[in-house]
Amino acid sequence: MSGAQTSGPEQSSWGGLRLHLGDGAWVLCHRYPTSKPILYVQAGGVSLTLSPNGHDTPVTTADVAFARDLVAAAQTYLSELERLRASPDAA
């Protein structure tokens, strides 16, 4: 090992996930009476779950803000797909 720091306060974590969605992809939201919801996306052999940190802790302002941002981005995604589908020149 070179001795370069790869974790800790000097380095931030990062990663990436790309899903190319086919006809069999699906999404759902698991809801529970007293716990935070879990958003689940399945595409082929890959699944993605999104949930706020700490299922037994109160919902935070940041949790709600992220969910609103997620909805806004999903609405933009939908609008773009609908626009491209309606365009005779779209690929």
N, C-alpha and C. Protein backbone atom coordinates (compact mmCIF):
# COMPACT_ATOMS: atom_id res chain seq x y z
N MET A 1 0.84 -1.18 0.00
CA MET A 1 0.00 0.00 0.00
C MET A 1 0.88 1.23 0.00
N SER A 2 0.48 2.25 -0.73
CA SER A 2 1.29 3.44 -0.90
C SER A 2 1.27 4.38 0.29
N GLY A 3 0.37 4.18 1.21
CA GLY A 3 0.26 5.07 2.35
C GLY A 3 -0.69 6.24 2.12
N ALA A 4 -1.26 6.34 0.93
CA ALA A 4 -2.22 7.41 0.66
C ALA A 4 -3.49 7.18 1.46
N GLN A 5 -4.01 8.25 2.01
CA GLN A 5 -5.24 8.14 2.80
C GLN A 5 -6.42 7.91 1.87
N THR A 6 -7.20 6.88 2.14
CA THR A 6 -8.35 6.58 1.30
C THR A 6 -9.67 6.70 2.05
N SER A 7 -9.63 6.99 3.32
CA SER A 7 -10.86 7.18 4.08
C SER A 7 -10.58 8.10 5.25
N GLY A 8 -11.61 8.47 5.92
CA GLY A 8 -11.45 9.34 7.07
C GLY A 8 -11.83 10.77 6.73
N PRO A 9 -11.53 11.69 7.63
CA PRO A 9 -12.00 13.06 7.48
C PRO A 9 -11.44 13.80 6.27
N GLU A 10 -10.28 13.40 5.77
CA GLU A 10 -9.68 14.10 4.63
C GLU A 10 -10.27 13.67 3.29
N GLN A 11 -10.95 12.56 3.24
CA GLN A 11 -11.52 12.04 2.00
C GLN A 11 -13.02 11.87 2.19
N SER A 12 -13.78 12.23 1.17
CA SER A 12 -15.21 11.97 1.24
C SER A 12 -15.54 10.72 0.44
N SER A 13 -16.57 10.04 0.85
CA SER A 13 -16.99 8.82 0.16
C SER A 13 -17.71 9.20 -1.12
N TRP A 14 -17.63 8.32 -2.08
CA TRP A 14 -18.37 8.52 -3.32
C TRP A 14 -18.58 7.19 -3.99
N GLY A 15 -19.47 7.17 -4.92
CA GLY A 15 -19.76 5.95 -5.67
C GLY A 15 -20.74 6.28 -6.76
N GLY A 16 -21.11 5.28 -7.50
CA GLY A 16 -22.07 5.49 -8.56
C GLY A 16 -22.83 4.22 -8.88
N LEU A 17 -24.01 4.41 -9.40
CA LEU A 17 -24.84 3.29 -9.81
C LEU A 17 -25.62 3.74 -11.02
N ARG A 18 -25.56 2.97 -12.08
CA ARG A 18 -26.30 3.28 -13.29
C ARG A 18 -27.21 2.11 -13.61
N LEU A 19 -28.48 2.38 -13.80
CA LEU A 19 -29.43 1.36 -14.20
C LEU A 19 -29.98 1.72 -15.57
N HIS A 20 -29.81 0.83 -16.52
CA HIS A 20 -30.42 1.00 -17.84
C HIS A 20 -31.72 0.21 -17.79
N LEU A 21 -32.82 0.92 -17.78
CA LEU A 21 -34.13 0.32 -17.50
C LEU A 21 -34.74 -0.30 -18.74
N GLY A 22 -35.09 -1.57 -18.64
CA GLY A 22 -35.78 -2.27 -19.71
C GLY A 22 -37.24 -2.44 -19.36
N ASP A 23 -37.93 -3.23 -20.17
CA ASP A 23 -39.37 -3.43 -19.98
C ASP A 23 -39.71 -4.09 -18.64
N GLY A 24 -38.78 -4.83 -18.06
CA GLY A 24 -39.08 -5.53 -16.82
C GLY A 24 -38.76 -4.74 -15.56
N ALA A 25 -38.31 -3.50 -15.70
CA ALA A 25 -37.98 -2.69 -14.52
C ALA A 25 -39.25 -2.27 -13.79
N TRP A 26 -39.16 -2.17 -12.48
CA TRP A 26 -40.30 -1.73 -11.70
C TRP A 26 -39.85 -1.01 -10.44
N VAL A 27 -40.78 -0.27 -9.86
CA VAL A 27 -40.50 0.51 -8.66
C VAL A 27 -41.71 0.45 -7.74
N LEU A 28 -41.46 0.44 -6.44
CA LEU A 28 -42.55 0.51 -5.47
C LEU A 28 -42.05 1.14 -4.19
N CYS A 29 -42.98 1.52 -3.37
CA CYS A 29 -42.65 2.10 -2.07
C CYS A 29 -43.24 1.23 -0.98
N HIS A 30 -42.37 0.71 -0.14
CA HIS A 30 -42.82 -0.06 1.03
C HIS A 30 -43.20 0.96 2.12
N ARG A 31 -44.39 0.82 2.65
CA ARG A 31 -44.86 1.71 3.71
C ARG A 31 -45.12 0.89 4.98
N TYR A 32 -44.83 1.51 6.11
CA TYR A 32 -44.99 0.85 7.40
C TYR A 32 -45.74 1.78 8.35
N PRO A 33 -46.50 1.23 9.28
CA PRO A 33 -47.30 2.08 10.17
C PRO A 33 -46.48 3.05 11.01
N THR A 34 -45.31 2.62 11.50
CA THR A 34 -44.55 3.47 12.42
C THR A 34 -43.10 3.67 12.01
N SER A 35 -42.70 3.18 10.85
CA SER A 35 -41.32 3.33 10.38
C SER A 35 -41.29 4.11 9.08
N LYS A 36 -40.13 4.62 8.75
CA LYS A 36 -39.95 5.38 7.52
C LYS A 36 -40.13 4.47 6.30
N PRO A 37 -40.59 5.03 5.19
CA PRO A 37 -40.81 4.23 3.98
C PRO A 37 -39.49 3.84 3.32
N ILE A 38 -39.56 2.85 2.46
CA ILE A 38 -38.41 2.41 1.66
C ILE A 38 -38.83 2.40 0.21
N LEU A 39 -38.11 3.13 -0.63
CA LEU A 39 -38.35 3.14 -2.06
C LEU A 39 -37.48 2.06 -2.69
N TYR A 40 -38.08 1.22 -3.51
CA TYR A 40 -37.40 0.06 -4.07
C TYR A 40 -37.49 0.10 -5.59
N VAL A 41 -36.34 -0.01 -6.26
CA VAL A 41 -36.27 -0.05 -7.72
C VAL A 41 -35.62 -1.37 -8.11
N GLN A 42 -36.25 -2.11 -9.01
CA GLN A 42 -35.71 -3.39 -9.50
C GLN A 42 -35.51 -3.27 -11.01
N ALA A 43 -34.32 -3.59 -11.47
CA ALA A 43 -34.02 -3.57 -12.91
C ALA A 43 -33.11 -4.74 -13.20
N GLY A 44 -33.65 -5.76 -13.86
CA GLY A 44 -32.85 -6.95 -14.13
C GLY A 44 -32.44 -7.59 -12.83
N GLY A 45 -31.16 -7.87 -12.69
CA GLY A 45 -30.64 -8.49 -11.48
C GLY A 45 -30.17 -7.49 -10.45
N VAL A 46 -30.47 -6.22 -10.65
CA VAL A 46 -29.99 -5.18 -9.74
C VAL A 46 -31.17 -4.54 -9.04
N SER A 47 -31.02 -4.31 -7.75
CA SER A 47 -32.05 -3.59 -7.02
C SER A 47 -31.42 -2.42 -6.28
N LEU A 48 -32.22 -1.41 -6.07
CA LEU A 48 -31.80 -0.21 -5.37
C LEU A 48 -32.86 0.12 -4.34
N THR A 49 -32.44 0.35 -3.12
CA THR A 49 -33.37 0.80 -2.09
C THR A 49 -32.93 2.16 -1.59
N LEU A 50 -33.90 3.02 -1.38
CA LEU A 50 -33.65 4.34 -0.82
C LEU A 50 -34.48 4.47 0.44
N SER A 51 -33.84 4.85 1.52
CA SER A 51 -34.57 5.08 2.76
C SER A 51 -33.79 6.07 3.61
N PRO A 52 -34.48 6.87 4.39
CA PRO A 52 -33.79 7.77 5.30
C PRO A 52 -33.01 6.97 6.35
N ASN A 53 -31.97 7.55 6.84
CA ASN A 53 -31.16 6.92 7.88
C ASN A 53 -31.97 6.78 9.16
N GLY A 54 -31.85 5.65 9.80
CA GLY A 54 -32.48 5.44 11.10
C GLY A 54 -33.97 5.22 11.03
N HIS A 55 -34.40 3.98 10.89
CA HIS A 55 -35.83 3.68 10.75
C HIS A 55 -36.64 4.04 11.99
N ASP A 56 -36.00 4.06 13.15
CA ASP A 56 -36.74 4.32 14.39
C ASP A 56 -36.57 5.75 14.89
N THR A 57 -36.00 6.62 14.05
CA THR A 57 -35.82 8.01 14.44
C THR A 57 -36.88 8.87 13.74
N PRO A 58 -37.15 10.05 14.26
CA PRO A 58 -38.15 10.91 13.62
C PRO A 58 -37.72 11.33 12.20
N VAL A 59 -38.71 11.57 11.37
CA VAL A 59 -38.46 12.09 10.03
C VAL A 59 -37.93 13.52 10.18
N THR A 60 -36.85 13.83 9.47
CA THR A 60 -36.22 15.14 9.57
C THR A 60 -36.63 16.05 8.41
N THR A 61 -36.33 17.32 8.56
CA THR A 61 -36.54 18.27 7.47
C THR A 61 -35.71 17.87 6.26
N ALA A 62 -34.51 17.37 6.48
CA ALA A 62 -33.65 16.92 5.38
C ALA A 62 -34.26 15.72 4.66
N ASP A 63 -34.88 14.81 5.40
CA ASP A 63 -35.55 13.66 4.78
C ASP A 63 -36.63 14.13 3.80
N VAL A 64 -37.44 15.07 4.26
CA VAL A 64 -38.54 15.60 3.44
C VAL A 64 -37.99 16.38 2.25
N ALA A 65 -36.95 17.18 2.47
CA ALA A 65 -36.36 17.97 1.38
C ALA A 65 -35.79 17.05 0.30
N PHE A 66 -35.12 15.97 0.70
CA PHE A 66 -34.58 15.04 -0.29
C PHE A 66 -35.71 14.38 -1.07
N ALA A 67 -36.77 13.97 -0.38
CA ALA A 67 -37.91 13.34 -1.06
C ALA A 67 -38.54 14.30 -2.07
N ARG A 68 -38.65 15.56 -1.71
CA ARG A 68 -39.19 16.55 -2.66
C ARG A 68 -38.28 16.71 -3.87
N ASP A 69 -36.97 16.75 -3.64
CA ASP A 69 -36.02 16.85 -4.75
C ASP A 69 -36.11 15.62 -5.64
N LEU A 70 -36.28 14.45 -5.03
CA LEU A 70 -36.41 13.21 -5.79
C LEU A 70 -37.66 13.24 -6.67
N VAL A 71 -38.77 13.70 -6.11
CA VAL A 71 -40.02 13.80 -6.88
C VAL A 71 -39.85 14.79 -8.03
N ALA A 72 -39.22 15.92 -7.78
CA ALA A 72 -39.02 16.92 -8.84
C ALA A 72 -38.15 16.37 -9.96
N ALA A 73 -37.09 15.65 -9.61
CA ALA A 73 -36.22 15.05 -10.63
C ALA A 73 -36.96 13.97 -11.40
N ALA A 74 -37.76 13.16 -10.71
CA ALA A 74 -38.54 12.12 -11.39
C ALA A 74 -39.58 12.74 -12.32
N GLN A 75 -40.17 13.85 -11.93
CA GLN A 75 -41.14 14.54 -12.79
C GLN A 75 -40.45 15.08 -14.04
N THR A 76 -39.26 15.63 -13.89
CA THR A 76 -38.49 16.10 -15.05
C THR A 76 -38.15 14.93 -15.96
N TYR A 77 -37.74 13.82 -15.39
CA TYR A 77 -37.42 12.60 -16.15
C TYR A 77 -38.64 12.16 -16.96
N LEU A 78 -39.80 12.11 -16.31
CA LEU A 78 -41.03 11.73 -16.99
C LEU A 78 -41.37 12.70 -18.11
N SER A 79 -41.29 13.98 -17.83
CA SER A 79 -41.60 14.99 -18.85
C SER A 79 -40.71 14.86 -20.07
N GLU A 80 -39.44 14.61 -19.86
CA GLU A 80 -38.51 14.44 -20.98
C GLU A 80 -38.82 13.19 -21.79
N LEU A 81 -39.13 12.09 -21.11
CA LEU A 81 -39.51 10.88 -21.84
C LEU A 81 -40.77 11.09 -22.66
N GLU A 82 -41.76 11.75 -22.08
CA GLU A 82 -43.01 12.02 -22.80
C GLU A 82 -42.76 12.94 -23.99
N ARG A 83 -41.92 13.95 -23.81
CA ARG A 83 -41.60 14.88 -24.90
C ARG A 83 -40.91 14.14 -26.04
N LEU A 84 -39.92 13.33 -25.71
CA LEU A 84 -39.18 12.59 -26.73
C LEU A 84 -40.06 11.56 -27.43
N ARG A 85 -40.92 10.91 -26.69
CA ARG A 85 -41.82 9.92 -27.29
C ARG A 85 -42.78 10.57 -28.28
N ALA A 86 -43.22 11.77 -27.99
CA ALA A 86 -44.17 12.48 -28.85
C ALA A 86 -43.51 13.10 -30.08
N SER A 87 -42.20 13.25 -30.04
CA SER A 87 -41.49 13.90 -31.15
C SER A 87 -41.17 12.89 -32.25
N PRO A 88 -41.57 13.19 -33.49
CA PRO A 88 -41.28 12.25 -34.58
C PRO A 88 -39.79 12.18 -34.90
N ASP A 89 -39.01 13.17 -34.49
CA ASP A 89 -37.58 13.20 -34.79
C ASP A 89 -36.72 12.60 -33.68
N ALA A 90 -37.32 12.25 -32.57
CA ALA A 90 -36.57 11.72 -31.43
C ALA A 90 -36.11 10.30 -31.70
N ALA A 91 -34.94 9.99 -31.17
CA ALA A 91 -34.39 8.63 -31.33
C ALA A 91 -34.98 7.70 -30.31
